[in-house]
Protein backbone atom coordinates (compact mmCIF):
# COMPACT_ATOMS: atom_id res chain seq x y z
CA UNK A 1 135.38 239.37 140.65
CA UNK A 2 133.33 236.51 139.08
CA UNK A 3 135.25 233.89 139.94
CA UNK A 4 135.37 230.42 138.47
CA UNK A 5 137.05 227.33 139.09
CA UNK A 6 140.80 227.69 140.27
CA UNK A 7 142.88 225.85 138.45
CA UNK A 8 147.17 224.84 139.31
CA UNK A 9 149.97 227.51 138.02
CA UNK A 10 151.19 224.92 136.33
CA UNK A 11 148.32 223.70 134.26
CA UNK A 12 147.74 227.80 133.58
CA UNK A 13 151.04 228.47 132.38
CA UNK A 14 150.29 226.02 129.75
CA UNK A 15 146.82 226.90 128.97
CA UNK A 16 147.02 228.86 125.04
CA UNK A 17 148.82 226.17 124.40
CA UNK A 18 145.57 224.00 122.69
CA UNK A 19 145.42 220.75 123.91
CA UNK A 20 147.03 218.39 121.11
CA UNK A 21 145.06 215.66 122.65
CA UNK A 22 141.80 216.52 122.18
CA UNK A 23 140.95 219.19 119.84
CA UNK A 24 142.72 220.25 116.41
CA UNK A 25 145.99 222.14 116.29
CA UNK A 26 145.61 225.56 114.16
CA UNK A 27 149.06 225.87 112.65
CA UNK A 28 150.42 227.14 110.00
CA UNK A 29 151.46 224.79 106.82
CA UNK A 30 154.95 226.24 107.20
CA UNK A 31 155.17 225.63 110.45
CA UNK A 32 154.30 222.23 109.75
CA UNK A 33 156.64 221.45 107.77
CA UNK A 34 159.35 222.87 110.19
CA UNK A 35 158.57 220.42 112.92
CA UNK A 36 161.85 218.38 110.79
CA UNK A 37 164.02 220.61 112.15
CA UNK A 38 163.90 219.27 115.45
CA UNK A 39 164.52 215.87 114.45
CA UNK A 40 168.15 216.62 112.51
CA UNK A 41 171.54 218.77 113.30
CA UNK A 42 171.27 219.91 109.49
CA UNK A 43 168.40 221.84 109.06
CA UNK A 44 165.96 219.27 107.72
CA UNK A 45 168.01 218.54 104.87
CA UNK A 46 167.98 214.70 105.92
CA UNK A 47 166.60 212.79 103.23
CA UNK A 48 166.27 209.91 105.40
CA UNK A 49 163.90 212.08 108.05
CA UNK A 50 160.86 210.05 107.95
CA UNK A 51 158.62 213.71 109.01
CA UNK A 52 160.66 215.97 106.05
CA UNK A 53 157.51 216.57 105.06
CA UNK A 54 155.53 217.60 108.96
CA UNK A 55 152.01 216.94 109.35
CA UNK A 56 151.92 215.33 105.60
CA UNK A 57 154.71 212.77 106.50
CA UNK A 58 151.74 210.45 107.56
CA UNK A 59 148.79 209.35 105.71
CA UNK A 60 144.84 211.12 106.43
CA UNK A 61 141.86 209.97 104.96
CA UNK A 62 139.72 212.69 103.21
CA UNK A 63 137.61 215.63 104.56
CA UNK A 64 134.20 214.14 106.05
CA UNK A 65 133.67 218.02 104.74
CA UNK A 66 134.63 216.76 101.35
CA UNK A 67 131.39 216.50 98.99
CA UNK A 68 133.28 213.90 96.84
CA UNK A 69 135.88 212.61 98.33
CA UNK A 70 138.87 210.44 97.23
CA UNK A 71 139.61 206.95 97.60
CA UNK A 72 141.72 205.93 100.29
CA UNK A 73 145.10 204.75 99.18
CA UNK A 74 143.93 201.37 101.09
CA UNK A 75 140.85 200.95 98.70
CA UNK A 76 142.89 200.19 95.73
CA UNK A 77 145.24 198.34 97.61
CA UNK A 78 145.07 194.60 98.41
CA UNK A 79 145.34 193.72 102.04
CA UNK A 80 148.61 190.81 102.33
CA UNK A 81 148.60 191.20 106.10
CA UNK A 82 148.08 187.88 108.04
CA UNK A 83 144.89 187.46 109.75
CA UNK A 84 144.00 190.96 108.67
CA UNK A 85 139.58 191.22 108.25
CA UNK A 86 138.28 193.90 106.73
CA UNK A 87 135.00 195.60 107.89
CA UNK A 88 132.68 198.28 109.62
CA UNK A 89 133.69 199.82 112.31
CA UNK A 90 132.60 202.36 114.92
CA UNK A 91 135.23 205.48 114.97
CA UNK A 92 136.12 207.25 118.49
CA UNK A 93 138.18 210.15 117.30
CA UNK A 94 140.52 211.17 119.99
CA UNK A 95 142.20 214.09 119.21
CA UNK A 96 146.74 214.05 118.79
CA UNK A 97 146.43 210.77 121.09
CA UNK A 98 148.72 207.79 119.31
CA UNK A 99 147.98 204.44 121.21
CA UNK A 100 149.81 201.06 120.31
CA UNK A 101 149.04 197.49 120.10
CA UNK A 102 149.25 195.30 123.75
CA UNK A 103 148.35 198.74 125.57
CA UNK A 104 145.45 199.31 128.23
CA UNK A 105 143.78 202.45 128.62
CA UNK A 106 140.87 204.09 130.62
CA UNK A 107 138.11 205.87 128.92
CA UNK A 108 134.86 208.27 130.60
CA UNK A 109 132.22 207.87 128.25
CA UNK A 110 129.85 211.24 128.60
CA UNK A 111 128.69 212.61 125.06
CA UNK A 112 125.42 210.58 123.87
CA UNK A 113 126.57 209.87 120.17
CA UNK A 114 129.28 207.67 122.06
CA UNK A 115 127.19 206.79 125.18
CA UNK A 116 125.18 205.20 122.34
CA UNK A 117 127.93 203.56 121.01
CA UNK A 118 128.82 201.50 123.54
CA UNK A 119 125.27 200.46 124.25
CA UNK A 120 125.45 199.43 120.15
CA UNK A 121 128.44 197.09 120.88
CA UNK A 122 127.37 195.88 124.25
CA UNK A 123 124.04 194.73 122.27
CA UNK A 124 125.98 193.08 118.69
CA UNK A 125 128.38 191.76 121.27
CA UNK A 126 131.38 192.93 119.64
CA UNK A 127 132.86 194.96 122.22
CA UNK A 128 134.74 196.71 120.13
CA UNK A 129 135.64 199.84 117.55
CA UNK A 130 138.62 201.62 116.02
CA UNK A 131 140.02 205.17 117.40
CA UNK A 132 142.00 207.35 114.96
CA UNK A 133 144.14 210.34 115.61
CA UNK A 134 142.79 214.04 113.95
CA UNK A 135 144.43 216.29 111.56
CA UNK A 136 145.93 218.67 114.05
CA UNK A 137 144.79 221.76 111.61
CA UNK A 138 142.05 219.91 109.34
CA UNK A 139 138.89 219.31 111.39
CA UNK A 140 136.91 216.45 110.48
CA UNK A 141 139.80 214.46 109.04
CA UNK A 142 141.58 211.56 110.63
CA UNK A 143 144.49 208.88 110.40
CA UNK A 144 144.33 206.45 107.83
CA UNK A 145 145.96 203.92 110.10
CA UNK A 146 144.37 203.98 113.80
CA UNK A 147 143.91 201.27 115.93
CA UNK A 148 141.09 198.50 117.61
CA UNK A 149 140.05 199.35 121.00
CA UNK A 150 138.28 195.97 122.81
CA UNK A 151 136.47 196.36 125.97
CA UNK A 152 137.03 194.85 128.59
CA UNK A 153 135.46 195.99 131.75
CA UNK A 154 132.25 198.69 131.95
CA UNK A 155 131.06 200.88 135.22
CA UNK A 156 127.72 202.40 135.02
CA UNK A 157 128.39 205.73 136.70
CA UNK A 158 125.59 207.73 135.97
CA UNK A 159 124.45 207.84 139.38
CA UNK A 160 126.98 208.78 140.70
CA UNK A 161 127.86 211.77 138.54
CA UNK A 162 124.35 213.21 138.14
CA UNK A 163 124.76 211.50 134.74
CA UNK A 164 127.73 214.03 134.13
CA UNK A 165 129.73 210.87 133.00
CA UNK A 166 127.60 207.48 131.70
CA UNK A 167 130.66 204.91 131.61
CA UNK A 168 134.03 204.80 132.55
CA UNK A 169 135.38 201.60 130.63
CA UNK A 170 139.01 200.20 130.19
CA UNK A 171 140.06 199.09 127.23
CA UNK A 172 142.81 196.88 125.22
CA UNK A 173 144.47 197.33 122.04
CA UNK A 174 144.49 194.61 120.17
CA UNK A 175 145.77 195.43 116.93
CA UNK A 176 145.43 198.33 114.21
CA UNK A 177 142.89 199.43 111.82
CA UNK A 178 143.94 200.73 108.31
CA UNK A 179 140.93 202.86 107.31
CA UNK A 180 139.49 202.83 103.83
CA UNK A 181 136.48 205.60 104.09
CA UNK A 182 134.45 207.32 106.60
CA UNK A 183 130.73 205.68 105.90
CA UNK A 184 128.54 208.73 107.39
CA UNK A 185 130.49 211.50 106.78
CA UNK A 186 127.11 213.80 107.86
CA UNK A 187 127.65 212.52 111.54
CA UNK A 188 130.04 214.83 112.41
CA UNK A 189 128.31 217.83 111.83
CA UNK A 190 125.06 216.74 113.09
CA UNK A 191 126.79 215.16 116.58
CA UNK A 192 123.46 212.73 116.54
CA UNK A 193 125.44 209.49 116.09
CA UNK A 194 128.97 208.40 116.26
CA UNK A 195 130.85 208.13 112.80
CA UNK A 196 131.30 204.94 110.83
CA UNK A 197 134.15 203.73 109.03
CA UNK A 198 135.11 200.66 106.91
CA UNK A 199 138.31 199.36 108.21
CA UNK A 200 141.34 196.47 107.98
CA UNK A 201 142.08 195.04 111.16
CA UNK A 202 145.11 193.62 111.78
CA UNK A 203 145.71 191.58 114.92
CA UNK A 204 148.86 192.63 116.15
CA UNK A 205 149.02 190.49 119.39
CA UNK A 206 146.80 187.10 118.74
CA UNK A 207 144.14 188.38 121.24
CA UNK A 208 141.48 188.51 118.57
CA UNK A 209 142.03 184.77 117.58
CA UNK A 210 142.68 183.52 121.56
CA UNK A 211 139.14 185.54 122.18
CA UNK A 212 137.46 183.21 119.12
CA UNK A 213 138.63 180.87 120.58
CA UNK A 214 137.42 181.70 123.90
CA UNK A 215 133.92 182.18 122.95
CA UNK A 216 134.11 178.58 121.07
CA UNK A 217 134.22 176.87 125.01
CA UNK A 218 131.89 176.30 126.92
CA UNK A 219 132.79 174.37 129.80
CA UNK A 220 132.94 176.89 132.58
CA UNK A 221 134.77 174.55 134.43
CA UNK A 222 137.95 175.05 132.97
CA UNK A 223 138.24 179.04 134.11
CA UNK A 224 141.09 177.85 136.44
CA UNK A 225 142.92 176.69 133.56
CA UNK A 226 142.84 179.38 131.39
CA UNK A 227 143.84 181.18 133.97
CA UNK A 228 146.96 179.04 134.52
CA UNK A 229 147.79 178.66 130.73
CA UNK A 230 148.12 182.17 130.39
CA UNK A 231 150.63 182.58 133.49
CA UNK A 232 152.54 179.74 131.69
CA UNK A 233 152.01 181.87 128.55
CA UNK A 234 153.56 185.21 130.21
CA UNK A 235 156.44 183.34 131.74
CA UNK A 236 157.15 181.98 127.70
CA UNK A 237 157.21 185.53 126.67
CA UNK A 238 159.89 186.56 128.93
CA UNK A 239 162.19 183.51 128.50
CA UNK A 240 161.61 184.11 124.65
CA UNK A 241 162.95 187.66 125.14
CA UNK A 242 166.48 186.44 125.90
CA UNK A 243 166.57 183.34 123.80
CA UNK A 244 165.86 185.08 120.71
CA UNK A 245 168.02 186.08 118.04
CA UNK A 246 168.17 189.45 117.16
CA UNK A 247 168.57 190.34 113.66
CA UNK A 248 171.45 192.86 112.47
CA UNK A 249 168.69 195.63 112.03
CA UNK A 250 167.32 194.70 115.84
CA UNK A 251 170.91 194.27 117.23
CA UNK A 252 171.96 198.03 115.95
CA UNK A 253 168.82 199.67 117.23
CA UNK A 254 169.46 197.93 120.72
CA UNK A 255 173.04 199.04 120.95
CA UNK A 256 171.73 202.84 119.48
CA UNK A 257 169.83 202.73 122.59
CA UNK A 258 172.41 201.54 124.93
CA UNK A 259 174.57 204.40 123.69
CA UNK A 260 172.42 206.78 124.04
CA UNK A 261 171.49 205.80 127.32
CA UNK A 262 175.16 206.19 128.47
CA UNK A 263 175.40 209.49 126.82
CA UNK A 264 172.17 210.62 129.20
CA UNK A 265 173.66 209.66 132.03
CA UNK A 266 177.41 211.12 131.18
CA UNK A 267 175.63 214.46 130.78
CA UNK A 268 173.13 214.26 134.07
CA UNK A 269 170.50 214.75 131.69
CA UNK A 270 167.28 216.03 133.46
CA UNK A 271 165.12 213.31 131.94
CA UNK A 272 167.42 209.98 131.18
CA UNK A 273 166.77 206.19 130.71
CA UNK A 274 167.77 204.10 133.83
CA UNK A 275 170.33 201.79 132.74
CA UNK A 276 168.34 198.79 134.16
CA UNK A 277 165.65 200.26 131.49
CA UNK A 278 167.66 198.33 128.79
CA UNK A 279 166.11 194.89 130.39
CA UNK A 280 162.63 196.90 129.32
CA UNK A 281 164.17 197.73 125.76
CA UNK A 282 162.57 194.78 123.41
CA UNK A 283 162.73 194.49 119.58
CA UNK A 284 161.05 191.44 119.11
CA UNK A 285 158.27 191.21 115.98
CA UNK A 286 154.84 190.35 117.49
CA UNK A 287 153.33 190.44 120.88
CA UNK A 288 154.74 186.85 122.05
CA UNK A 289 157.83 187.92 123.34
CA UNK A 290 157.93 190.42 126.72
CA UNK A 291 159.61 192.69 125.77
CA UNK A 292 159.20 193.49 122.03
CA UNK A 293 158.98 196.22 119.97
CA UNK A 294 155.70 197.65 120.94
CA UNK A 295 156.99 198.13 124.26
CA UNK A 296 159.81 199.33 123.46
CA UNK A 297 157.80 202.03 121.15
CA UNK A 298 155.69 202.95 124.49
CA UNK A 299 158.66 203.53 126.32
CA UNK A 300 160.03 205.76 124.14
CA UNK A 301 156.60 207.53 123.92
CA UNK A 302 156.50 208.40 127.61
CA UNK A 303 159.99 209.25 127.12
CA UNK A 304 159.10 212.39 124.85
CA UNK A 305 156.48 213.36 127.21
CA UNK A 306 158.41 213.05 129.98
CA UNK A 307 161.02 215.58 128.17
CA UNK A 308 158.02 217.99 127.17
CA UNK A 309 156.35 218.17 130.58
CA UNK A 310 160.12 218.69 131.90
CA UNK A 311 160.94 221.91 129.14
CA UNK A 312 157.37 223.40 130.55
CA UNK A 313 158.41 222.92 134.05
CA UNK A 314 162.09 224.64 133.25
CA UNK A 315 159.96 227.42 131.13
CA UNK A 316 157.59 228.25 134.19
CA UNK A 317 159.82 228.05 137.48
CA UNK A 318 161.64 231.83 137.27
CA UNK A 319 157.38 232.98 136.88
CA UNK A 320 156.57 230.76 139.89
CA UNK A 321 159.16 231.95 141.90
CA UNK A 322 158.34 235.13 141.29
CA UNK A 323 155.02 234.87 142.15
CA UNK A 324 156.15 233.67 145.34
CA UNK A 325 157.82 236.46 146.12
CA UNK A 326 155.18 238.98 145.42
CA UNK A 327 152.63 236.99 147.48
CA UNK A 328 154.63 237.22 150.28
CA UNK A 329 155.45 240.85 149.84
CA UNK A 330 151.54 241.45 149.74
CA UNK A 331 151.14 239.17 152.75
CA UNK A 332 153.92 240.95 154.81
CA UNK A 333 157.61 239.39 155.75
CA UNK A 334 157.97 236.28 157.70
CA UNK A 335 154.96 234.31 155.52
CA UNK A 336 156.28 230.80 154.83
CA UNK A 337 154.92 229.17 151.48
CA UNK A 338 152.67 226.99 153.83
CA UNK A 339 151.03 230.56 154.20
CA UNK A 340 150.17 231.86 150.97
CA UNK A 341 146.86 231.50 150.05
CA UNK A 342 145.46 228.24 148.30
CA UNK A 343 143.98 230.51 144.83
CA UNK A 344 144.48 234.06 143.63
CA UNK A 345 142.92 235.30 140.11
CA UNK A 346 144.57 236.09 137.51
CA UNK A 347 143.10 239.96 137.74
CA UNK A 348 145.04 239.62 141.12
CA UNK A 349 148.56 239.75 139.91
CA UNK A 350 150.10 243.00 139.55
CA UNK A 351 150.49 244.41 136.23
CA UNK A 352 154.01 242.98 135.85
CA UNK A 353 153.53 239.48 136.87
CA UNK A 354 149.92 239.62 134.44
CA UNK A 355 152.39 240.56 131.38
CA UNK A 356 154.91 238.56 132.56
CA UNK A 357 152.70 235.55 132.71
CA UNK A 358 151.17 236.23 128.98
CA UNK A 359 154.98 236.59 127.58
CA UNK A 360 155.56 233.22 128.74
CA UNK A 361 151.79 231.38 127.83
CA UNK A 362 152.94 233.03 123.90
CA UNK A 363 156.63 231.82 124.31
CA UNK A 364 155.50 228.10 125.66
CA UNK A 365 153.21 227.87 122.29
CA UNK A 366 155.24 228.99 120.35
CA UNK A 367 158.39 226.86 121.38
CA UNK A 368 156.23 223.53 122.99
CA UNK A 369 153.46 222.95 120.40
CA UNK A 370 156.40 221.69 117.37
CA UNK A 371 157.89 219.77 119.70
CA UNK A 372 154.42 217.97 121.08
CA UNK A 373 153.59 217.76 117.38
CA UNK A 374 156.71 216.03 116.23
CA UNK A 375 156.28 213.07 119.43
CA UNK A 376 152.99 213.00 117.72
CA UNK A 377 153.65 212.93 114.24
CA UNK A 378 156.95 210.23 115.31
CA UNK A 379 154.10 208.00 117.05
CA UNK A 380 151.65 208.04 114.32
CA UNK A 381 154.61 207.29 111.85
CA UNK A 382 155.54 204.21 113.39
CA UNK A 383 151.64 202.90 113.73
CA UNK A 384 151.39 203.02 110.03
CA UNK A 385 154.48 201.30 109.59
CA UNK A 386 153.95 198.33 106.90
CA UNK A 387 155.61 195.71 109.02
CA UNK A 388 158.36 195.31 111.60
CA UNK A 389 161.56 196.25 109.67
CA UNK A 390 159.59 199.69 109.23
CA UNK A 391 159.08 199.98 112.04
CA UNK A 392 162.83 199.10 113.49
CA UNK A 393 163.98 201.67 110.96
CA UNK A 394 161.88 204.05 112.03
CA UNK A 395 162.86 203.63 115.61
CA UNK A 396 166.87 203.51 114.55
CA UNK A 397 166.11 206.93 113.09
CA UNK A 398 164.41 208.60 116.38
CA UNK A 399 167.00 206.72 118.64
CA UNK A 400 170.20 208.04 116.72
CA UNK A 401 168.52 211.82 116.36
CA UNK A 402 168.30 211.78 119.79
CA UNK A 403 171.78 210.06 120.52
CA UNK A 404 173.63 213.08 117.97
CA UNK A 405 171.50 215.70 119.94
CA UNK A 406 173.33 214.71 122.70
CA UNK A 407 176.69 214.17 121.63
CA UNK A 408 176.63 217.38 120.23
CA UNK A 409 175.64 218.51 123.14
CA UNK A 410 178.31 217.01 124.98
CA UNK A 411 181.18 218.07 122.49
CA UNK A 412 179.84 221.91 123.39
CA UNK A 413 180.20 221.24 126.72
CA UNK A 414 183.51 220.06 126.33
CA UNK A 415 184.31 223.08 124.31
CA UNK A 416 183.05 225.62 126.67
CA UNK A 417 184.14 224.23 129.67
CA UNK A 418 181.15 222.52 131.14
CA UNK A 419 181.51 219.52 132.84
CA UNK A 420 179.88 217.03 131.19
CA UNK A 421 181.52 213.62 132.46
CA UNK A 422 179.57 214.19 135.85
CA UNK A 423 177.52 211.59 136.77
CA UNK A 424 175.33 210.26 139.65
CA UNK A 425 177.18 208.25 142.32
CA UNK A 426 177.06 204.70 142.24
CA UNK A 427 175.52 204.56 145.53
CA UNK A 428 172.19 206.78 144.08
CA UNK A 429 172.98 204.72 141.36
CA UNK A 430 172.44 201.23 142.42
CA UNK A 431 169.16 202.99 144.57
CA UNK A 432 167.67 204.29 140.94
CA UNK A 433 168.16 200.98 139.29
CA UNK A 434 166.54 199.19 142.52
CA UNK A 435 163.14 200.66 141.69
CA UNK A 436 161.58 197.59 139.92
CA UNK A 437 158.83 199.88 138.09
CA UNK A 438 161.35 203.17 137.10
CA UNK A 439 162.52 202.99 133.40
CA UNK A 440 162.35 206.66 132.98
CA UNK A 441 163.81 209.40 135.75
CA UNK A 442 163.59 212.90 136.34
CA UNK A 443 166.27 214.92 137.69
CA UNK A 444 164.73 218.34 137.65
CA UNK A 445 163.82 219.93 140.62
CA UNK A 446 159.96 220.49 140.66
CA UNK A 447 158.22 223.74 140.19
CA UNK A 448 157.71 225.49 144.07
CA UNK A 449 155.14 225.09 145.91
CA UNK A 450 152.50 228.12 144.87
CA UNK A 451 148.92 228.72 145.50
CA UNK A 452 146.43 227.96 142.42
CA UNK A 453 145.49 230.72 139.93
CA UNK A 454 142.41 230.95 138.77
CA UNK A 455 142.32 232.73 134.51
CA UNK A 456 140.51 234.72 133.00
CA UNK A 457 138.29 231.81 131.11
CA UNK A 458 138.74 228.72 130.28
CA UNK A 459 141.17 227.48 127.96
CA UNK A 460 142.84 224.03 127.33
CA UNK A 461 146.12 222.29 128.62
CA UNK A 462 149.45 220.33 127.07
CA UNK A 463 148.58 217.55 128.92
CA UNK A 464 145.05 215.69 129.56
CA UNK A 465 147.31 213.32 132.02
CA UNK A 466 150.12 213.55 133.63
CA UNK A 467 151.88 209.93 134.24
CA UNK A 468 155.19 210.98 135.48
CA UNK A 469 157.58 208.14 135.30
CA UNK A 470 159.66 208.24 139.03
């Protein structure tokens, strides 16, 4: 058998789910619209549902393949955001990943056109570019609101990787960008250079103003003083978060989240927020207070990702158990899981297991892809909100939708005799909440230890990264 590199079974099982993080997801318009059904209890008849129109609920630029693209909605609108700056920027489309202001991310750069992009932003001193989400079903079409990546650290690793990867780069998201239009759409197809866009930068973090102030200062002896100032600033941000008065809308969002956390613990949800996470649930505007609303948005995004991972693990658990039993039988009785082979080819499975695996892949694709799309569109909708009040309103809807889902689940458990009031012991709860870094926890059992499985062909994965919270 012609063997290729092996991959873990947990990845193989979701390999038919096209990676929404790196490629367009080809699904019909009808399915796109059905994404709204997961957000509400009334079969999508919620006039307030921000995702009621599916993929069309967010704004997209015209396709780069459109020979005479219509103007962006932002071309005819005046920009009123404070500190807004319109300029031409490099565009780095990153699939269906939605980033948020004041977060940090590492990218591995290997494509020639993006190697060129990094060389250019280093040479001209800007050290920044725009990142926008790709349309899930139309290649060459991008979201009208992206984010600004500011390069903080770059490592040359071409010698260590045999030139497979040129740079490993660390970035900070320093604001959002409203895209007006792609300036060189032909480059998308020729791939001889990177795309460039005209966009309006919205400084959500104050980082750009700070950078300009630092560039104006030539006193190298002031470095220690700058570091001290940043530490003092961080302490002040944390103090302000407790002292600032909340608006009625912010208070309502905070209360809804608190109720949701209690529901999760009442139901012993497999993925839930710790009660200590309330301290990380910020509702303040901007990034001069910590935690703030952007902190909460990232927390909510992580929760949605963890729920998706838990769904995936639960769906594949039964097959994994059957696979382990099959291998034990093939190798003879008495073999432990530790003695199982480290890898097995898809073709080496029994016909029955092959059939079950194919069916499982189809079911996972049908059930998980809409959830993944829903999660991504939710974050994009928040990203393009016009102001803080709009983001508060959207978060209120998403938190309330999840709270209503769990309330209905609790009611059903009570009606059919399920014990919906079982919660973790006080001792266990105290132990969990003592973990300083843990805001989301998972009580579901991990899949059993099993060998790697070699797929018949290379396929995409559901997740590129699995940054699980403890």
